[in-house]
């Protein structure tokens, strides 16, 4: 990794936290409701977008695309996820039983998600192999 690529990775790691925290400080109401959350009914956070970007960058890196895009996406993905780690750890729980019920009820959806990721990985492998 070149010094420039490393600087890009660090910028990607740091800037999402500053952006999200500044946006929150300036207009907290922007965090109350989003169109995507309203339409999907899912509890989507910016950490989920970070996971998606980190997964895309991982695929890029695994399949040999080690360039500014893959390194920048890795930094952005990790930066978005890291901004959510401590708040999620400190989030009050409705109760362990409720958490375990949700975990148990999400088995089919989780299996579908894993199958989609495995299938996409296989397609990428065939494409880049």
C-alpha atoms as a PDB file:
ATOM      1  CA  UNK A   1       0.000   0.000   0.000  1.00  0.00           C
ATOM      2  CA  UNK A   2       1.364   3.375  -0.956  1.00  0.00           C
ATOM      3  CA  UNK A   3       1.429   6.295   1.489  1.00  0.00           C
ATOM      4  CA  UNK A   4      -1.332   7.941  -0.586  1.00  0.00           C
ATOM      5  CA  UNK A   5      -3.524   4.854  -0.392  1.00  0.00           C
ATOM      6  CA  UNK A   6      -2.931   4.669   3.360  1.00  0.00           C
ATOM      7  CA  UNK A   7      -3.920   8.343   3.714  1.00  0.00           C
ATOM      8  CA  UNK A   8      -7.086   7.610   1.713  1.00  0.00           C
ATOM      9  CA  UNK A   9      -7.889   4.675   3.996  1.00  0.00           C
ATOM     10  CA  UNK A  10      -7.367   6.815   7.114  1.00  0.00           C
ATOM     11  CA  UNK A  11      -9.506   9.610   5.666  1.00  0.00           C
ATOM     12  CA  UNK A  12     -12.233   7.101   4.909  1.00  0.00           C
ATOM     13  CA  UNK A  13     -11.951   5.762   8.438  1.00  0.00           C
ATOM     14  CA  UNK A  14     -12.127   9.158  10.153  1.00  0.00           C
ATOM     15  CA  UNK A  15     -14.376  11.337   7.984  1.00  0.00           C
ATOM     16  CA  UNK A  16     -17.641   9.376   8.369  1.00  0.00           C
ATOM     17  CA  UNK A  17     -17.566   9.884  12.130  1.00  0.00           C
ATOM     18  CA  UNK A  18     -16.953  13.623  11.784  1.00  0.00           C
ATOM     19  CA  UNK A  19     -19.677  13.926   9.137  1.00  0.00           C
ATOM     20  CA  UNK A  20     -22.274  11.965  11.109  1.00  0.00           C
ATOM     21  CA  UNK A  21     -21.459  13.698  14.404  1.00  0.00           C
ATOM     22  CA  UNK A  22     -21.486  17.166  12.822  1.00  0.00           C
ATOM     23  CA  UNK A  23     -24.772  16.438  11.045  1.00  0.00           C
ATOM     24  CA  UNK A  24     -26.217  15.204  14.353  1.00  0.00           C
ATOM     25  CA  UNK A  25     -25.001  18.276  16.246  1.00  0.00           C
ATOM     26  CA  UNK A  26     -26.368  20.678  13.632  1.00  0.00           C
ATOM     27  CA  UNK A  27     -29.750  19.053  13.012  1.00  0.00           C
ATOM     28  CA  UNK A  28     -30.657  16.119  15.235  1.00  0.00           C
ATOM     29  CA  UNK A  29     -34.106  15.884  13.615  1.00  0.00           C
ATOM     30  CA  UNK A  30     -32.493  14.490  10.437  1.00  0.00           C
ATOM     31  CA  UNK A  31     -31.851  11.304  12.419  1.00  0.00           C
ATOM     32  CA  UNK A  32     -35.438  10.787  13.597  1.00  0.00           C
ATOM     33  CA  UNK A  33     -36.959   9.525  10.373  1.00  0.00           C
ATOM     34  CA  UNK A  34     -35.628   8.688   6.957  1.00  0.00           C
ATOM     35  CA  UNK A  35     -37.536   7.761   3.822  1.00  0.00           C
ATOM     36  CA  UNK A  36     -35.780   4.417   3.524  1.00  0.00           C
ATOM     37  CA  UNK A  37     -36.654   3.442   7.094  1.00  0.00           C
ATOM     38  CA  UNK A  38     -40.249   4.527   6.574  1.00  0.00           C
ATOM     39  CA  UNK A  39     -40.614   2.640   3.280  1.00  0.00           C
ATOM     40  CA  UNK A  40     -38.766  -0.534   4.283  1.00  0.00           C
ATOM     41  CA  UNK A  41     -39.930  -0.759   7.881  1.00  0.00           C
ATOM     42  CA  UNK A  42     -36.360  -1.737   8.801  1.00  0.00           C
ATOM     43  CA  UNK A  43     -34.241  -0.192  11.534  1.00  0.00           C
ATOM     44  CA  UNK A  44     -31.454   0.899   9.147  1.00  0.00           C
ATOM     45  CA  UNK A  45     -28.449   2.768  10.556  1.00  0.00           C
ATOM     46  CA  UNK A  46     -25.390   4.202   8.835  1.00  0.00           C
ATOM     47  CA  UNK A  47     -23.425   1.262  10.242  1.00  0.00           C
ATOM     48  CA  UNK A  48     -25.435  -0.988   7.916  1.00  0.00           C
ATOM     49  CA  UNK A  49     -24.263   1.082   4.951  1.00  0.00           C
ATOM     50  CA  UNK A  50     -20.743   0.717   6.320  1.00  0.00           C
ATOM     51  CA  UNK A  51     -21.134  -3.052   6.389  1.00  0.00           C
ATOM     52  CA  UNK A  52     -22.262  -2.998   2.763  1.00  0.00           C
ATOM     53  CA  UNK A  53     -19.309  -0.828   1.702  1.00  0.00           C
ATOM     54  CA  UNK A  54     -16.870  -2.994   3.678  1.00  0.00           C
ATOM     55  CA  UNK A  55     -18.292  -6.114   2.021  1.00  0.00           C
ATOM     56  CA  UNK A  56     -17.941  -4.588  -1.456  1.00  0.00           C
ATOM     57  CA  UNK A  57     -14.362  -3.508  -0.717  1.00  0.00           C
ATOM     58  CA  UNK A  58     -13.565  -6.963   0.648  1.00  0.00           C
ATOM     59  CA  UNK A  59     -14.833  -8.568  -2.557  1.00  0.00           C
ATOM     60  CA  UNK A  60     -12.742  -6.116  -4.553  1.00  0.00           C
ATOM     61  CA  UNK A  61      -9.636  -6.907  -2.514  1.00  0.00           C
ATOM     62  CA  UNK A  62     -10.237 -10.673  -2.513  1.00  0.00           C
ATOM     63  CA  UNK A  63     -10.607 -10.722  -6.277  1.00  0.00           C
ATOM     64  CA  UNK A  64      -7.460  -8.701  -6.888  1.00  0.00           C
ATOM     65  CA  UNK A  65      -8.763  -5.150  -7.257  1.00  0.00           C
ATOM     66  CA  UNK A  66      -6.366  -3.463  -4.862  1.00  0.00           C
ATOM     67  CA  UNK A  67      -6.719   0.137  -5.914  1.00  0.00           C
ATOM     68  CA  UNK A  68      -7.878   3.496  -4.595  1.00  0.00           C
ATOM     69  CA  UNK A  69     -11.552   2.516  -4.881  1.00  0.00           C
ATOM     70  CA  UNK A  70     -11.243  -0.692  -2.853  1.00  0.00           C
ATOM     71  CA  UNK A  71      -9.057   0.932  -0.222  1.00  0.00           C
ATOM     72  CA  UNK A  72     -11.280   4.013   0.016  1.00  0.00           C
ATOM     73  CA  UNK A  73     -14.440   1.881   0.317  1.00  0.00           C
ATOM     74  CA  UNK A  74     -12.777  -0.177   3.046  1.00  0.00           C
ATOM     75  CA  UNK A  75     -11.995   2.972   5.022  1.00  0.00           C
ATOM     76  CA  UNK A  76     -15.496   4.417   4.544  1.00  0.00           C
ATOM     77  CA  UNK A  77     -17.162   1.130   5.441  1.00  0.00           C
ATOM     78  CA  UNK A  78     -15.145   0.682   8.600  1.00  0.00           C
ATOM     79  CA  UNK A  79     -15.535   4.348   9.502  1.00  0.00           C
ATOM     80  CA  UNK A  80     -19.336   4.159   9.260  1.00  0.00           C
ATOM     81  CA  UNK A  81     -19.434   0.939  11.284  1.00  0.00           C
ATOM     82  CA  UNK A  82     -17.045   2.197  13.980  1.00  0.00           C
ATOM     83  CA  UNK A  83     -19.198   5.271  14.552  1.00  0.00           C
ATOM     84  CA  UNK A  84     -22.023   2.937  15.626  1.00  0.00           C
ATOM     85  CA  UNK A  85     -20.121   0.450  17.836  1.00  0.00           C
ATOM     86  CA  UNK A  86     -20.156   2.284  21.175  1.00  0.00           C
ATOM     87  CA  UNK A  87     -23.718   3.613  20.819  1.00  0.00           C
ATOM     88  CA  UNK A  88     -24.945   0.083  20.035  1.00  0.00           C
ATOM     89  CA  UNK A  89     -23.089  -1.341  23.043  1.00  0.00           C
ATOM     90  CA  UNK A  90     -24.705   1.284  25.283  1.00  0.00           C
ATOM     91  CA  UNK A  91     -28.198   0.973  23.764  1.00  0.00           C
ATOM     92  CA  UNK A  92     -30.763  -0.004  26.398  1.00  0.00           C
ATOM     93  CA  UNK A  93     -32.140  -3.459  25.847  1.00  0.00           C
ATOM     94  CA  UNK A  94     -35.830  -4.251  25.894  1.00  0.00           C
ATOM     95  CA  UNK A  95     -34.849  -7.519  27.510  1.00  0.00           C
ATOM     96  CA  UNK A  96     -32.786 -10.510  26.560  1.00  0.00           C
ATOM     97  CA  UNK A  97     -35.878 -12.622  25.882  1.00  0.00           C
ATOM     98  CA  UNK A  98     -37.085 -10.133  23.259  1.00  0.00           C
ATOM     99  CA  UNK A  99     -33.612 -10.025  21.678  1.00  0.00           C
ATOM    100  CA  UNK A 100     -33.486 -13.823  21.531  1.00  0.00           C
ATOM    101  CA  UNK A 101     -36.999 -13.998  20.071  1.00  0.00           C
ATOM    102  CA  UNK A 102     -35.993 -11.563  17.325  1.00  0.00           C
ATOM    103  CA  UNK A 103     -32.800 -13.544  16.747  1.00  0.00           C
ATOM    104  CA  UNK A 104     -34.754 -16.793  16.499  1.00  0.00           C
ATOM    105  CA  UNK A 105     -37.409 -15.324  14.229  1.00  0.00           C
ATOM    106  CA  UNK A 106     -34.798 -13.938  11.838  1.00  0.00           C
ATOM    107  CA  UNK A 107     -33.308 -17.332  10.930  1.00  0.00           C
ATOM    108  CA  UNK A 108     -34.963 -17.557   7.494  1.00  0.00           C
ATOM    109  CA  UNK A 109     -34.079 -13.981   6.562  1.00  0.00           C
ATOM    110  CA  UNK A 110     -30.501 -14.448   7.784  1.00  0.00           C
ATOM    111  CA  UNK A 111     -30.167 -17.687   5.826  1.00  0.00           C
ATOM    112  CA  UNK A 112     -31.461 -15.898   2.718  1.00  0.00           C
ATOM    113  CA  UNK A 113     -28.961 -13.069   3.211  1.00  0.00           C
ATOM    114  CA  UNK A 114     -26.052 -15.496   3.632  1.00  0.00           C
ATOM    115  CA  UNK A 115     -27.160 -17.413   0.519  1.00  0.00           C
ATOM    116  CA  UNK A 116     -27.291 -14.173  -1.494  1.00  0.00           C
ATOM    117  CA  UNK A 117     -23.778 -13.214  -0.330  1.00  0.00           C
ATOM    118  CA  UNK A 118     -22.450 -16.715  -1.108  1.00  0.00           C
ATOM    119  CA  UNK A 119     -24.107 -16.637  -4.544  1.00  0.00           C
ATOM    120  CA  UNK A 120     -22.741 -13.154  -5.276  1.00  0.00           C
ATOM    121  CA  UNK A 121     -19.280 -14.325  -4.164  1.00  0.00           C
ATOM    122  CA  UNK A 122     -19.544 -17.313  -6.509  1.00  0.00           C
ATOM    123  CA  UNK A 123     -20.574 -15.096  -9.419  1.00  0.00           C
ATOM    124  CA  UNK A 124     -17.670 -12.747  -8.709  1.00  0.00           C
ATOM    125  CA  UNK A 125     -15.297 -15.696  -8.497  1.00  0.00           C
ATOM    126  CA  UNK A 126     -16.461 -16.978 -11.881  1.00  0.00           C
ATOM    127  CA  UNK A 127     -16.255 -13.507 -13.381  1.00  0.00           C
ATOM    128  CA  UNK A 128     -12.721 -12.803 -12.121  1.00  0.00           C
ATOM    129  CA  UNK A 129     -11.333 -16.322 -12.383  1.00  0.00           C
END
